[in-house]
């Protein structure tokens, strides 16, 4: 059967990982917390760049010489969802490109890309000094207000269309991805807005369960809107 989709876009934090965010994972690894900055960001009191700056300042207060190698070490131990390898392999076997679009940290996204064979990834950057220590600044690559920008970018890059694109996410910041895709899957959503905006909702401990939505076994049978 001819495939229906060419491109599948994955959010990272909360979808490929069992984390609220890769930024928060570094906090946890260092024994600090960022709740005040998180609430300030949610309340639109600070922008994304200032949110990053406050996060990194927390890290440097806990470990003044913290460097990129430390972050890589933390991400090697981050908990990931089961079934990533199987899912990416099944989609690619059918000729689909698999990409990660995340407001998380690019070091984590690149690690998942390399380990599981994603075709590409894009995420925010933590900037470093020439000696590898953290500069205290971050670079906003993926605007959380419109992650759909990168869905459109990958659509153009791979020469496909919105009608042949799927997006997966778990929170309201992923809704712009959904709006730029023909099919959207809310995977273990954290809020009702994400479920309401998605074509399907999948709640599972194994991400391979999304394959029932994208690759139905029986072409005459389509899955229901809600998948348990």
N, C-alpha and C. Protein backbone atom coordinates (compact mmCIF):
# COMPACT_ATOMS: atom_id res chain seq x y z
N UNK A 1 0.85 -1.20 0.00
CA UNK A 1 0.00 0.00 0.00
C UNK A 1 0.88 1.25 0.00
N UNK A 2 0.57 2.19 -0.88
CA UNK A 2 1.35 3.41 -0.98
C UNK A 2 1.22 4.22 0.29
N UNK A 3 2.36 4.71 0.78
CA UNK A 3 2.31 5.45 2.04
C UNK A 3 1.52 6.74 1.87
N UNK A 4 0.89 7.14 2.97
CA UNK A 4 0.06 8.35 2.95
C UNK A 4 0.85 9.58 3.36
N UNK A 5 1.95 9.37 4.13
CA UNK A 5 2.71 10.50 4.68
C UNK A 5 4.19 10.38 4.31
N UNK A 6 4.84 11.54 4.25
CA UNK A 6 6.27 11.60 3.93
C UNK A 6 7.12 12.05 5.12
N UNK A 7 6.51 12.76 6.07
CA UNK A 7 7.27 13.42 7.13
C UNK A 7 6.54 13.28 8.46
N UNK A 8 7.29 12.91 9.51
CA UNK A 8 6.74 12.83 10.86
C UNK A 8 7.60 13.69 11.78
N UNK A 9 6.99 14.69 12.42
CA UNK A 9 7.70 15.64 13.28
C UNK A 9 7.40 15.32 14.74
N UNK A 10 8.44 15.08 15.52
CA UNK A 10 8.30 14.72 16.93
C UNK A 10 8.73 15.87 17.83
N UNK A 11 7.91 16.20 18.81
CA UNK A 11 8.39 16.99 19.94
C UNK A 11 9.32 16.07 20.74
N UNK A 12 10.19 16.65 21.56
CA UNK A 12 11.12 15.82 22.33
C UNK A 12 10.68 15.65 23.78
N UNK A 13 10.67 16.73 24.55
CA UNK A 13 10.39 16.64 25.99
C UNK A 13 8.95 16.22 26.24
N UNK A 14 8.79 15.11 26.97
CA UNK A 14 7.47 14.60 27.26
C UNK A 14 6.92 13.67 26.19
N UNK A 15 7.61 13.58 25.07
CA UNK A 15 7.20 12.68 23.98
C UNK A 15 8.26 11.59 23.79
N UNK A 16 9.47 12.01 23.47
CA UNK A 16 10.57 11.05 23.34
C UNK A 16 11.24 10.80 24.68
N UNK A 17 11.11 11.74 25.59
CA UNK A 17 11.66 11.57 26.94
C UNK A 17 10.53 11.54 27.96
N UNK A 18 10.84 11.05 29.14
CA UNK A 18 9.87 11.03 30.23
C UNK A 18 10.08 12.24 31.13
N UNK A 19 10.36 13.39 30.52
CA UNK A 19 10.72 14.60 31.26
C UNK A 19 9.76 15.72 30.91
N UNK A 20 9.52 16.61 31.87
CA UNK A 20 8.80 17.83 31.55
C UNK A 20 9.61 18.66 30.57
N UNK A 21 10.93 18.74 30.82
CA UNK A 21 11.82 19.43 29.88
C UNK A 21 13.25 19.00 30.13
N UNK A 22 14.06 19.09 29.08
CA UNK A 22 15.48 18.77 29.21
C UNK A 22 16.18 19.84 30.05
N UNK A 23 15.65 21.05 30.05
CA UNK A 23 16.19 22.10 30.92
C UNK A 23 15.99 21.71 32.39
N UNK A 24 14.79 21.23 32.71
CA UNK A 24 14.50 20.83 34.08
C UNK A 24 15.32 19.61 34.50
N UNK A 25 15.68 18.76 33.53
CA UNK A 25 16.51 17.59 33.84
C UNK A 25 17.89 18.03 34.33
N UNK A 26 18.43 19.08 33.73
CA UNK A 26 19.72 19.59 34.20
C UNK A 26 19.56 20.15 35.62
N UNK A 27 18.47 20.85 35.86
CA UNK A 27 18.20 21.33 37.22
C UNK A 27 18.18 20.17 38.21
N UNK A 28 17.46 19.13 37.87
CA UNK A 28 17.35 17.97 38.75
C UNK A 28 18.72 17.32 38.96
N UNK A 29 19.50 17.23 37.91
CA UNK A 29 20.82 16.61 38.00
C UNK A 29 21.76 17.41 38.91
N UNK A 30 21.54 18.72 38.98
CA UNK A 30 22.38 19.59 39.81
C UNK A 30 21.78 19.87 41.18
N UNK A 31 20.56 19.40 41.40
CA UNK A 31 19.92 19.61 42.70
C UNK A 31 19.41 21.02 42.92
N UNK A 32 19.00 21.69 41.82
CA UNK A 32 18.43 23.04 41.94
C UNK A 32 17.02 23.02 41.34
N UNK A 33 16.29 24.12 41.47
CA UNK A 33 14.93 24.19 40.90
C UNK A 33 14.73 25.53 40.21
N UNK A 34 13.78 25.54 39.27
CA UNK A 34 13.55 26.75 38.47
C UNK A 34 12.09 27.17 38.45
N UNK A 35 11.35 26.80 39.48
CA UNK A 35 9.91 27.03 39.46
C UNK A 35 9.56 28.51 39.33
N UNK A 36 10.31 29.39 39.99
CA UNK A 36 10.01 30.83 39.93
C UNK A 36 10.16 31.35 38.50
N UNK A 37 11.24 30.95 37.84
CA UNK A 37 11.46 31.39 36.46
C UNK A 37 10.41 30.78 35.53
N UNK A 38 10.05 29.52 35.77
CA UNK A 38 9.04 28.85 34.95
C UNK A 38 7.70 29.58 35.05
N UNK A 39 7.30 29.93 36.27
CA UNK A 39 6.03 30.63 36.46
C UNK A 39 6.08 32.02 35.84
N UNK A 40 7.22 32.69 35.94
CA UNK A 40 7.37 34.02 35.33
C UNK A 40 7.23 33.93 33.81
N UNK A 41 7.77 32.86 33.23
CA UNK A 41 7.66 32.67 31.78
C UNK A 41 6.21 32.37 31.39
N UNK A 42 5.57 31.46 32.13
CA UNK A 42 4.19 31.10 31.84
C UNK A 42 3.27 32.31 31.95
N UNK A 43 3.57 33.20 32.93
CA UNK A 43 2.77 34.40 33.14
C UNK A 43 3.16 35.54 32.20
N UNK A 44 4.09 35.25 31.28
CA UNK A 44 4.56 36.22 30.28
C UNK A 44 5.23 37.44 30.91
N UNK A 45 5.83 37.22 32.07
CA UNK A 45 6.59 38.29 32.73
C UNK A 45 8.01 38.38 32.19
N UNK A 46 8.51 37.28 31.65
CA UNK A 46 9.84 37.25 31.02
C UNK A 46 9.72 36.53 29.68
N UNK A 47 10.65 36.82 28.77
CA UNK A 47 10.62 36.13 27.47
C UNK A 47 11.47 34.86 27.55
N UNK A 48 11.50 34.13 26.43
CA UNK A 48 12.18 32.84 26.41
C UNK A 48 13.68 32.98 26.66
N UNK A 49 14.27 34.03 26.11
CA UNK A 49 15.71 34.22 26.27
C UNK A 49 16.07 34.49 27.73
N UNK A 50 15.25 35.28 28.41
CA UNK A 50 15.50 35.55 29.84
C UNK A 50 15.26 34.29 30.67
N UNK A 51 14.28 33.49 30.26
CA UNK A 51 14.03 32.21 30.93
C UNK A 51 15.28 31.33 30.86
N UNK A 52 15.89 31.25 29.69
CA UNK A 52 17.13 30.49 29.53
C UNK A 52 18.23 31.05 30.42
N UNK A 53 18.35 32.38 30.42
CA UNK A 53 19.41 33.02 31.20
C UNK A 53 19.29 32.68 32.68
N UNK A 54 18.06 32.70 33.19
CA UNK A 54 17.84 32.38 34.61
C UNK A 54 18.11 30.90 34.89
N UNK A 55 17.74 30.04 33.96
CA UNK A 55 18.02 28.61 34.13
C UNK A 55 19.53 28.37 34.22
N UNK A 56 20.26 28.93 33.28
CA UNK A 56 21.71 28.71 33.23
C UNK A 56 22.39 29.31 34.45
N UNK A 57 21.88 30.44 34.93
CA UNK A 57 22.44 31.06 36.14
C UNK A 57 22.30 30.12 37.34
N UNK A 58 21.18 29.40 37.40
CA UNK A 58 20.98 28.42 38.47
C UNK A 58 22.05 27.33 38.39
N UNK A 59 22.32 26.87 37.18
CA UNK A 59 23.33 25.83 37.00
C UNK A 59 24.70 26.30 37.44
N UNK A 60 25.04 27.53 37.04
CA UNK A 60 26.36 28.07 37.35
C UNK A 60 26.51 28.35 38.84
N UNK A 61 25.38 28.65 39.51
CA UNK A 61 25.46 28.86 40.95
C UNK A 61 25.75 27.54 41.67
N UNK A 62 25.24 26.44 41.11
CA UNK A 62 25.47 25.12 41.71
C UNK A 62 26.85 24.56 41.33
N UNK A 63 27.31 24.89 40.12
CA UNK A 63 28.60 24.39 39.63
C UNK A 63 29.24 25.48 38.77
N UNK A 64 30.01 26.36 39.35
CA UNK A 64 30.54 27.52 38.62
C UNK A 64 31.32 27.18 37.35
N UNK A 65 31.96 26.02 37.32
CA UNK A 65 32.74 25.64 36.14
C UNK A 65 31.98 24.70 35.21
N UNK A 66 30.66 24.68 35.31
CA UNK A 66 29.87 23.77 34.50
C UNK A 66 30.16 23.99 33.01
N UNK A 67 30.29 22.88 32.29
CA UNK A 67 30.66 22.97 30.88
C UNK A 67 29.76 22.05 30.04
N UNK A 68 29.97 22.12 28.74
CA UNK A 68 29.15 21.33 27.82
C UNK A 68 29.27 19.83 28.10
N UNK A 69 30.44 19.38 28.49
CA UNK A 69 30.64 17.96 28.80
C UNK A 69 29.74 17.51 29.95
N UNK A 70 29.52 18.40 30.92
CA UNK A 70 28.63 18.07 32.04
C UNK A 70 27.20 17.85 31.53
N UNK A 71 26.76 18.72 30.63
CA UNK A 71 25.40 18.59 30.10
C UNK A 71 25.26 17.27 29.33
N UNK A 72 26.25 16.95 28.53
CA UNK A 72 26.22 15.69 27.77
C UNK A 72 26.12 14.51 28.72
N UNK A 73 26.89 14.56 29.81
CA UNK A 73 26.85 13.48 30.80
C UNK A 73 25.45 13.36 31.42
N UNK A 74 24.82 14.49 31.74
CA UNK A 74 23.47 14.45 32.31
C UNK A 74 22.49 13.81 31.33
N UNK A 75 22.60 14.18 30.05
CA UNK A 75 21.64 13.70 29.06
C UNK A 75 21.83 12.21 28.75
N UNK A 76 23.01 11.71 29.00
CA UNK A 76 23.22 10.27 28.81
C UNK A 76 22.39 9.45 29.78
N UNK A 77 21.97 10.08 30.87
CA UNK A 77 21.19 9.39 31.90
C UNK A 77 19.72 9.78 31.92
N UNK A 78 19.27 10.58 30.96
CA UNK A 78 17.87 11.02 31.00
C UNK A 78 16.94 9.87 30.59
N UNK A 79 15.79 9.76 31.24
CA UNK A 79 14.86 8.68 30.92
C UNK A 79 14.12 8.93 29.60
N UNK A 80 14.12 7.94 28.72
CA UNK A 80 13.44 8.07 27.43
C UNK A 80 12.26 7.10 27.38
N UNK A 81 11.32 7.41 26.52
CA UNK A 81 10.14 6.57 26.35
C UNK A 81 10.54 5.27 25.65
N UNK A 82 9.86 4.20 25.94
CA UNK A 82 10.12 2.93 25.25
C UNK A 82 9.63 3.00 23.81
N UNK A 83 10.29 2.23 22.94
CA UNK A 83 9.81 2.04 21.57
C UNK A 83 10.29 3.03 20.54
N UNK A 84 11.24 3.90 20.89
CA UNK A 84 11.69 4.90 19.91
C UNK A 84 12.34 4.23 18.70
N UNK A 85 13.25 3.28 18.96
CA UNK A 85 13.96 2.62 17.86
C UNK A 85 12.99 1.95 16.90
N UNK A 86 12.05 1.20 17.46
CA UNK A 86 11.06 0.49 16.65
C UNK A 86 10.22 1.46 15.83
N UNK A 87 9.83 2.57 16.45
CA UNK A 87 8.97 3.54 15.78
C UNK A 87 9.67 4.21 14.62
N UNK A 88 10.86 4.72 14.86
CA UNK A 88 11.62 5.40 13.80
C UNK A 88 11.92 4.43 12.66
N UNK A 89 12.33 3.21 13.00
CA UNK A 89 12.66 2.22 11.97
C UNK A 89 11.44 1.89 11.12
N UNK A 90 10.27 1.72 11.76
CA UNK A 90 9.06 1.37 11.02
C UNK A 90 8.64 2.49 10.07
N UNK A 91 8.74 3.73 10.53
CA UNK A 91 8.36 4.86 9.68
C UNK A 91 9.34 5.03 8.52
N UNK A 92 10.63 4.92 8.82
CA UNK A 92 11.63 5.08 7.76
C UNK A 92 11.58 3.94 6.75
N UNK A 93 11.23 2.76 7.21
CA UNK A 93 11.10 1.62 6.30
C UNK A 93 10.02 1.88 5.26
N UNK A 94 9.02 2.68 5.65
CA UNK A 94 7.95 3.04 4.72
C UNK A 94 8.28 4.30 3.92
N UNK A 95 9.50 4.80 4.09
CA UNK A 95 9.94 5.95 3.31
C UNK A 95 9.67 7.30 3.93
N UNK A 96 9.31 7.33 5.20
CA UNK A 96 9.03 8.61 5.87
C UNK A 96 10.27 9.17 6.54
N UNK A 97 10.40 10.48 6.52
CA UNK A 97 11.46 11.17 7.25
C UNK A 97 10.97 11.44 8.67
N UNK A 98 11.87 11.29 9.64
CA UNK A 98 11.54 11.51 11.05
C UNK A 98 12.44 12.60 11.62
N UNK A 99 11.84 13.67 12.15
CA UNK A 99 12.62 14.79 12.66
C UNK A 99 12.13 15.17 14.06
N UNK A 100 13.03 15.81 14.81
CA UNK A 100 12.72 16.30 16.15
C UNK A 100 12.65 17.82 16.10
N UNK A 101 11.56 18.39 16.63
CA UNK A 101 11.41 19.85 16.75
C UNK A 101 11.13 20.14 18.22
N UNK A 102 12.07 20.80 18.90
CA UNK A 102 11.95 20.94 20.35
C UNK A 102 12.42 22.28 20.86
N UNK A 103 11.74 22.75 21.90
CA UNK A 103 12.22 23.91 22.64
C UNK A 103 13.18 23.50 23.74
N UNK A 104 13.55 22.21 23.75
CA UNK A 104 14.54 21.72 24.69
C UNK A 104 15.94 22.04 24.25
N UNK A 105 16.91 21.34 24.80
CA UNK A 105 18.33 21.64 24.54
C UNK A 105 18.84 20.78 23.39
N UNK A 106 19.56 21.42 22.46
CA UNK A 106 19.99 20.72 21.25
C UNK A 106 20.93 19.56 21.53
N UNK A 107 21.71 19.61 22.61
CA UNK A 107 22.60 18.51 22.93
C UNK A 107 21.80 17.23 23.18
N UNK A 108 20.66 17.36 23.84
CA UNK A 108 19.79 16.21 24.08
C UNK A 108 19.15 15.74 22.78
N UNK A 109 18.68 16.69 21.97
CA UNK A 109 18.05 16.32 20.70
C UNK A 109 19.03 15.62 19.77
N UNK A 110 20.26 16.12 19.71
CA UNK A 110 21.27 15.50 18.85
C UNK A 110 21.63 14.10 19.34
N UNK A 111 21.63 13.92 20.65
CA UNK A 111 21.94 12.60 21.20
C UNK A 111 20.86 11.60 20.78
N UNK A 112 19.58 12.00 20.87
CA UNK A 112 18.50 11.13 20.45
C UNK A 112 18.54 10.89 18.93
N UNK A 113 18.83 11.92 18.19
CA UNK A 113 18.93 11.79 16.72
C UNK A 113 19.98 10.75 16.36
N UNK A 114 21.15 10.85 16.96
CA UNK A 114 22.24 9.94 16.62
C UNK A 114 21.97 8.51 17.11
N UNK A 115 21.39 8.40 18.29
CA UNK A 115 21.17 7.07 18.86
C UNK A 115 20.07 6.30 18.16
N UNK A 116 19.01 7.01 17.76
CA UNK A 116 17.84 6.31 17.21
C UNK A 116 17.65 6.52 15.71
N UNK A 117 18.53 7.28 15.07
CA UNK A 117 18.49 7.39 13.62
C UNK A 117 17.50 8.36 13.04
N UNK A 118 17.09 9.39 13.81
CA UNK A 118 16.24 10.43 13.23
C UNK A 118 16.97 11.11 12.07
N UNK A 119 16.21 11.62 11.13
CA UNK A 119 16.82 12.25 9.97
C UNK A 119 17.37 13.64 10.26
N UNK A 120 16.77 14.35 11.21
CA UNK A 120 17.26 15.68 11.55
C UNK A 120 16.65 16.10 12.88
N UNK A 121 17.18 17.19 13.43
CA UNK A 121 16.62 17.73 14.67
C UNK A 121 16.92 19.22 14.74
N UNK A 122 16.08 19.91 15.50
CA UNK A 122 16.30 21.33 15.76
C UNK A 122 15.82 21.61 17.18
N UNK A 123 16.63 22.36 17.94
CA UNK A 123 16.30 22.68 19.33
C UNK A 123 17.12 23.90 19.74
N UNK A 124 16.86 24.39 20.95
CA UNK A 124 17.57 25.57 21.45
C UNK A 124 18.99 25.22 21.89
N UNK A 125 19.84 26.24 21.92
CA UNK A 125 21.25 26.03 22.21
C UNK A 125 21.65 26.71 23.52
N UNK A 126 22.52 26.04 24.26
CA UNK A 126 23.19 26.63 25.41
C UNK A 126 24.57 27.08 24.92
N UNK A 127 24.85 28.36 25.03
CA UNK A 127 26.09 28.90 24.47
C UNK A 127 27.27 28.69 25.43
N UNK A 128 28.44 28.50 24.83
CA UNK A 128 29.64 28.21 25.63
C UNK A 128 30.77 29.19 25.31
N UNK A 129 31.70 29.28 26.24
CA UNK A 129 32.94 30.02 26.03
C UNK A 129 33.91 29.15 25.23
N UNK A 130 35.03 29.74 24.73
CA UNK A 130 36.00 28.94 23.96
C UNK A 130 36.52 27.72 24.72
N UNK A 131 36.55 27.77 26.05
CA UNK A 131 37.06 26.63 26.82
C UNK A 131 35.99 25.59 27.13
N UNK A 132 34.77 25.79 26.61
CA UNK A 132 33.70 24.83 26.80
C UNK A 132 32.80 25.11 27.98
N UNK A 133 33.19 26.03 28.86
CA UNK A 133 32.31 26.38 29.98
C UNK A 133 31.12 27.18 29.46
N UNK A 134 30.02 27.15 30.21
CA UNK A 134 28.82 27.84 29.78
C UNK A 134 28.97 29.34 29.92
N UNK A 135 28.54 30.06 28.90
CA UNK A 135 28.68 31.52 28.90
C UNK A 135 27.64 32.20 29.78
N UNK A 136 26.55 31.50 30.05
CA UNK A 136 25.45 32.10 30.79
C UNK A 136 24.29 32.50 29.90
N UNK A 137 24.47 32.35 28.59
CA UNK A 137 23.43 32.73 27.64
C UNK A 137 22.95 31.51 26.85
N UNK A 138 21.74 31.62 26.34
CA UNK A 138 21.20 30.60 25.46
C UNK A 138 20.73 31.22 24.16
N UNK A 139 20.57 30.42 23.14
CA UNK A 139 20.08 30.90 21.85
C UNK A 139 18.71 30.29 21.58
N UNK A 140 17.71 31.15 21.41
CA UNK A 140 16.37 30.67 21.07
C UNK A 140 16.35 30.32 19.59
N UNK A 141 16.31 29.05 19.29
CA UNK A 141 16.24 28.58 17.91
C UNK A 141 14.80 28.26 17.55
N UNK A 142 14.12 27.56 18.46
CA UNK A 142 12.72 27.18 18.24
C UNK A 142 11.82 28.06 19.10
N UNK A 143 11.08 28.95 18.46
CA UNK A 143 10.17 29.83 19.17
C UNK A 143 8.97 29.02 19.67
N UNK A 144 8.80 28.95 20.98
CA UNK A 144 7.71 28.15 21.54
C UNK A 144 6.33 28.69 21.17
N UNK A 145 6.28 29.93 20.69
CA UNK A 145 4.99 30.49 20.29
C UNK A 145 4.58 30.00 18.90
N UNK A 146 5.55 29.49 18.12
CA UNK A 146 5.21 28.99 16.78
C UNK A 146 6.22 27.94 16.31
N UNK A 147 6.08 26.73 16.86
CA UNK A 147 6.93 25.63 16.42
C UNK A 147 6.55 25.17 15.00
N UNK A 148 5.43 25.67 14.51
CA UNK A 148 5.01 25.34 13.15
C UNK A 148 5.98 25.85 12.10
N UNK A 149 6.77 26.86 12.43
CA UNK A 149 7.76 27.39 11.50
C UNK A 149 8.68 26.27 11.01
N UNK A 150 9.09 25.40 11.93
CA UNK A 150 10.02 24.35 11.56
C UNK A 150 9.33 23.17 10.89
N UNK A 151 8.05 22.97 11.16
CA UNK A 151 7.31 21.99 10.37
C UNK A 151 7.33 22.43 8.91
N UNK A 152 7.05 23.69 8.67
CA UNK A 152 7.06 24.21 7.29
C UNK A 152 8.45 24.13 6.68
N UNK A 153 9.48 24.38 7.50
CA UNK A 153 10.85 24.31 7.00
C UNK A 153 11.18 22.90 6.53
N UNK A 154 10.82 21.90 7.34
CA UNK A 154 11.14 20.52 6.96
C UNK A 154 10.27 20.06 5.79
N UNK A 155 9.03 20.54 5.72
CA UNK A 155 8.18 20.24 4.56
C UNK A 155 8.86 20.70 3.28
N UNK A 156 9.39 21.92 3.32
CA UNK A 156 10.08 22.46 2.14
C UNK A 156 11.37 21.69 1.86
N UNK A 157 12.12 21.41 2.93
CA UNK A 157 13.41 20.74 2.76
C UNK A 157 13.25 19.36 2.13
N UNK A 158 12.20 18.63 2.52
CA UNK A 158 12.01 17.28 2.02
C UNK A 158 11.07 17.23 0.81
N UNK A 159 10.66 18.38 0.34
CA UNK A 159 9.87 18.44 -0.89
C UNK A 159 8.51 17.78 -0.77
N UNK A 160 7.86 17.94 0.37
CA UNK A 160 6.55 17.33 0.56
C UNK A 160 5.51 18.42 0.82
N UNK A 161 4.43 18.10 1.49
CA UNK A 161 3.34 19.06 1.71
C UNK A 161 2.73 18.85 3.08
N UNK A 162 1.94 19.82 3.50
CA UNK A 162 1.24 19.71 4.77
C UNK A 162 0.32 18.49 4.78
N UNK A 163 -0.28 18.19 3.63
CA UNK A 163 -1.22 17.06 3.53
C UNK A 163 -0.53 15.71 3.74
N UNK A 164 0.81 15.70 3.66
CA UNK A 164 1.56 14.45 3.81
C UNK A 164 2.49 14.51 5.03
N UNK A 165 2.07 15.29 6.04
CA UNK A 165 2.89 15.49 7.24
C UNK A 165 2.11 15.14 8.50
N UNK A 166 2.83 14.55 9.45
CA UNK A 166 2.27 14.20 10.77
C UNK A 166 3.09 14.90 11.84
N UNK A 167 2.46 15.38 12.90
CA UNK A 167 3.17 15.97 14.04
C UNK A 167 2.71 15.34 15.34
N UNK A 168 3.67 15.16 16.25
CA UNK A 168 3.38 14.62 17.59
C UNK A 168 3.84 15.61 18.64
N UNK A 169 3.01 15.81 19.67
CA UNK A 169 3.39 16.68 20.77
C UNK A 169 2.59 16.34 22.01
N UNK A 170 2.95 16.97 23.14
CA UNK A 170 2.26 16.65 24.39
C UNK A 170 1.71 17.88 25.11
N UNK A 171 1.98 19.09 24.59
CA UNK A 171 1.52 20.28 25.30
C UNK A 171 1.04 21.35 24.34
N UNK A 172 0.47 22.41 24.90
CA UNK A 172 -0.14 23.46 24.08
C UNK A 172 0.87 24.14 23.16
N UNK A 173 2.16 24.10 23.50
CA UNK A 173 3.15 24.71 22.61
C UNK A 173 3.33 23.91 21.32
N UNK A 174 2.78 22.70 21.27
CA UNK A 174 2.88 21.87 20.07
C UNK A 174 1.71 22.06 19.12
N UNK A 175 0.70 22.80 19.56
CA UNK A 175 -0.48 23.00 18.71
C UNK A 175 -0.14 23.68 17.38
N UNK A 176 0.79 24.66 17.33
CA UNK A 176 1.16 25.20 16.02
C UNK A 176 1.77 24.16 15.08
N UNK A 177 2.43 23.13 15.63
CA UNK A 177 2.89 22.02 14.80
C UNK A 177 1.70 21.28 14.21
N UNK A 178 0.69 21.04 15.06
CA UNK A 178 -0.51 20.33 14.61
C UNK A 178 -1.18 21.07 13.46
N UNK A 179 -1.23 22.40 13.59
CA UNK A 179 -1.94 23.20 12.59
C UNK A 179 -1.24 23.20 11.23
N UNK A 180 0.01 22.78 11.21
CA UNK A 180 0.76 22.71 9.95
C UNK A 180 0.91 21.29 9.44
N UNK A 181 0.07 20.39 9.94
CA UNK A 181 0.14 18.97 9.59
C UNK A 181 -1.25 18.44 9.25
N UNK A 182 -1.28 17.42 8.40
CA UNK A 182 -2.57 16.80 8.06
C UNK A 182 -3.06 15.93 9.20
N UNK A 183 -2.14 15.24 9.89
CA UNK A 183 -2.50 14.43 11.06
C UNK A 183 -1.68 14.90 12.24
N UNK A 184 -2.32 14.95 13.41
CA UNK A 184 -1.61 15.32 14.63
C UNK A 184 -1.96 14.33 15.73
N UNK A 185 -0.96 14.02 16.55
CA UNK A 185 -1.14 13.06 17.64
C UNK A 185 -0.71 13.71 18.95
N UNK A 186 -1.63 13.81 19.89
CA UNK A 186 -1.31 14.26 21.24
C UNK A 186 -0.86 13.02 22.01
N UNK A 187 0.44 12.95 22.30
CA UNK A 187 1.00 11.77 22.96
C UNK A 187 1.20 12.08 24.45
N UNK A 188 0.46 11.37 25.30
CA UNK A 188 0.47 11.63 26.75
C UNK A 188 0.34 13.13 27.04
N UNK A 189 -0.74 13.75 26.55
CA UNK A 189 -0.89 15.21 26.67
C UNK A 189 -0.98 15.67 28.11
N UNK A 190 -0.45 16.86 28.36
CA UNK A 190 -0.43 17.43 29.71
C UNK A 190 -1.59 18.38 29.94
N UNK A 191 -2.36 18.68 28.92
CA UNK A 191 -3.48 19.62 29.06
C UNK A 191 -4.57 19.26 28.05
N UNK A 192 -5.81 19.65 28.33
CA UNK A 192 -6.91 19.30 27.42
C UNK A 192 -6.86 20.02 26.08
N UNK A 193 -6.21 21.19 26.03
CA UNK A 193 -6.14 21.95 24.79
C UNK A 193 -5.40 21.15 23.72
N UNK A 194 -4.36 20.45 24.14
CA UNK A 194 -3.56 19.68 23.19
C UNK A 194 -4.37 18.52 22.62
N UNK A 195 -5.10 17.82 23.49
CA UNK A 195 -5.97 16.73 23.02
C UNK A 195 -7.03 17.24 22.06
N UNK A 196 -7.64 18.35 22.42
CA UNK A 196 -8.72 18.90 21.59
C UNK A 196 -8.22 19.32 20.22
N UNK A 197 -6.96 19.75 20.14
CA UNK A 197 -6.41 20.24 18.88
C UNK A 197 -5.89 19.11 17.98
N UNK A 198 -5.75 17.90 18.54
CA UNK A 198 -5.12 16.80 17.82
C UNK A 198 -6.13 15.92 17.10
N UNK A 199 -5.67 15.27 16.05
CA UNK A 199 -6.50 14.29 15.35
C UNK A 199 -6.75 13.08 16.25
N UNK A 200 -5.67 12.62 16.91
CA UNK A 200 -5.75 11.47 17.82
C UNK A 200 -5.05 11.80 19.13
N UNK A 201 -5.48 11.13 20.18
CA UNK A 201 -4.78 11.18 21.46
C UNK A 201 -4.34 9.76 21.80
N UNK A 202 -3.06 9.60 22.10
CA UNK A 202 -2.50 8.30 22.47
C UNK A 202 -1.87 8.43 23.84
N UNK A 203 -2.33 7.62 24.77
CA UNK A 203 -1.73 7.57 26.11
C UNK A 203 -1.07 6.20 26.26
N UNK A 204 0.23 6.19 26.40
CA UNK A 204 0.94 4.92 26.42
C UNK A 204 2.32 5.10 27.01
N UNK A 205 2.90 4.00 27.49
CA UNK A 205 4.27 3.98 27.96
C UNK A 205 5.22 3.59 26.83
N UNK A 206 4.67 3.35 25.64
CA UNK A 206 5.49 2.94 24.49
C UNK A 206 5.06 3.74 23.27
N UNK A 207 5.99 4.50 22.72
CA UNK A 207 5.63 5.40 21.62
C UNK A 207 5.31 4.66 20.34
N UNK A 208 5.66 3.38 20.24
CA UNK A 208 5.33 2.62 19.04
C UNK A 208 3.82 2.49 18.85
N UNK A 209 3.04 2.78 19.89
CA UNK A 209 1.58 2.72 19.76
C UNK A 209 1.04 3.77 18.80
N UNK A 210 1.83 4.78 18.49
CA UNK A 210 1.38 5.78 17.50
C UNK A 210 1.33 5.18 16.10
N UNK A 211 2.04 4.09 15.89
CA UNK A 211 2.06 3.47 14.56
C UNK A 211 0.68 3.01 14.15
N UNK A 212 -0.19 2.71 15.12
CA UNK A 212 -1.56 2.31 14.80
C UNK A 212 -2.33 3.44 14.13
N UNK A 213 -1.94 4.67 14.41
CA UNK A 213 -2.58 5.82 13.77
C UNK A 213 -1.99 6.11 12.39
N UNK A 214 -0.67 5.98 12.29
CA UNK A 214 0.02 6.38 11.05
C UNK A 214 0.06 5.24 10.04
N UNK A 215 0.20 4.03 10.55
CA UNK A 215 0.31 2.86 9.68
C UNK A 215 -0.75 1.83 10.04
N UNK A 216 -2.02 2.10 9.80
CA UNK A 216 -3.05 1.12 10.15
C UNK A 216 -2.84 -0.18 9.39
N UNK A 217 -2.99 -1.31 10.11
CA UNK A 217 -2.78 -2.62 9.49
C UNK A 217 -3.78 -2.90 8.39
N UNK A 218 -5.00 -2.49 8.64
CA UNK A 218 -6.08 -2.75 7.69
C UNK A 218 -6.47 -1.45 7.00
N UNK A 219 -6.23 -1.33 5.68
CA UNK A 219 -6.53 -0.07 4.98
C UNK A 219 -8.01 0.29 5.02
N UNK A 220 -8.88 -0.70 5.31
CA UNK A 220 -10.31 -0.41 5.39
C UNK A 220 -10.73 0.06 6.78
N UNK A 221 -9.76 -0.02 7.73
CA UNK A 221 -10.08 0.30 9.12
C UNK A 221 -9.19 1.45 9.60
N UNK A 222 -9.79 2.50 10.12
CA UNK A 222 -9.02 3.62 10.66
C UNK A 222 -9.23 3.68 12.15
N UNK A 223 -8.20 4.09 12.91
CA UNK A 223 -8.34 4.14 14.36
C UNK A 223 -9.30 5.24 14.79
N UNK A 224 -9.89 5.08 15.97
CA UNK A 224 -10.78 6.11 16.51
C UNK A 224 -10.01 7.35 16.91
N UNK A 225 -10.73 8.41 17.21
CA UNK A 225 -10.06 9.66 17.56
C UNK A 225 -9.26 9.52 18.85
N UNK A 226 -9.70 8.69 19.75
CA UNK A 226 -8.99 8.52 21.03
C UNK A 226 -8.43 7.12 21.12
N UNK A 227 -7.16 7.02 21.37
CA UNK A 227 -6.50 5.73 21.52
C UNK A 227 -6.00 5.60 22.95
N UNK A 228 -6.37 4.53 23.61
CA UNK A 228 -5.98 4.36 25.00
C UNK A 228 -4.55 3.93 25.14
